[in-house]
Amino acid sequence: MRKKLVFIGGGTRSGKSAFALPLARQLGQRRLFLATAQPGDDEMRQRIERHRRERGADFHTVEESLAVAEAIGQHADYDVVVLDCLTLWLSNLLLEGNSLEAILQQVEELATVLARRSFHAIVVSNEVGLGLVPETPLGRMFRDVAGLAHQRISAVADEVYFAVLGTILRIKPSPAFLDPAEIRG
């Protein structure tokens, strides 16, 4: 089976991860979950722990909030790698003070690593370009960098999905509706 790169975008709580995890289980036995969230407060720590429990023990979890391309490169011995979430990673890079150009260079490094992978990869991200123009310069920069990153990852992806209202739509290679119940088994 050809190793594929799957990119899943959509709104918050739209069903992205609920689609990504069963898909990863179908793609291989040795599964890595690369988490980009940072436990900055008690609520976030609880959220991260809840997600870890919901994933179960059949995923090895690595938490990496900044050096994502490097982390993927160091874990090439898995059948499938799930990167969740691209937009959290971009946010982390912005809050570290990185410029737009520096972040886009890291996105390019990630795209290169993903294009050369020897395993299936699933990248999950939040679509932030469907709302209002953010009021602050940081908000606008985040929206811009997320949109540019999505374009780049989508370009190298074999399959692209959009999750909305609990519904999964395949955009690439050709449009199709997927019943999430079919993926969950």
Foldseek 3Di string as FASTA:
>chain_A
DDAFEEEEEEAPPLCRVLLVLLVQVVQFQAEEEEEQDDCPDDVSVVVVVVVDVVSPDSYHYDYDNEQVLVVCVVPLVGQEYEYPAPLSSLVSCVVVPDDLVRVVVSLVSNLVSCLPGPHHYYYYYYQDPPDDQDPDPSSNSSNVSVVVSVVSNVVSGQWYWYGGNNWIWTPPPHTDTDDSVVSND
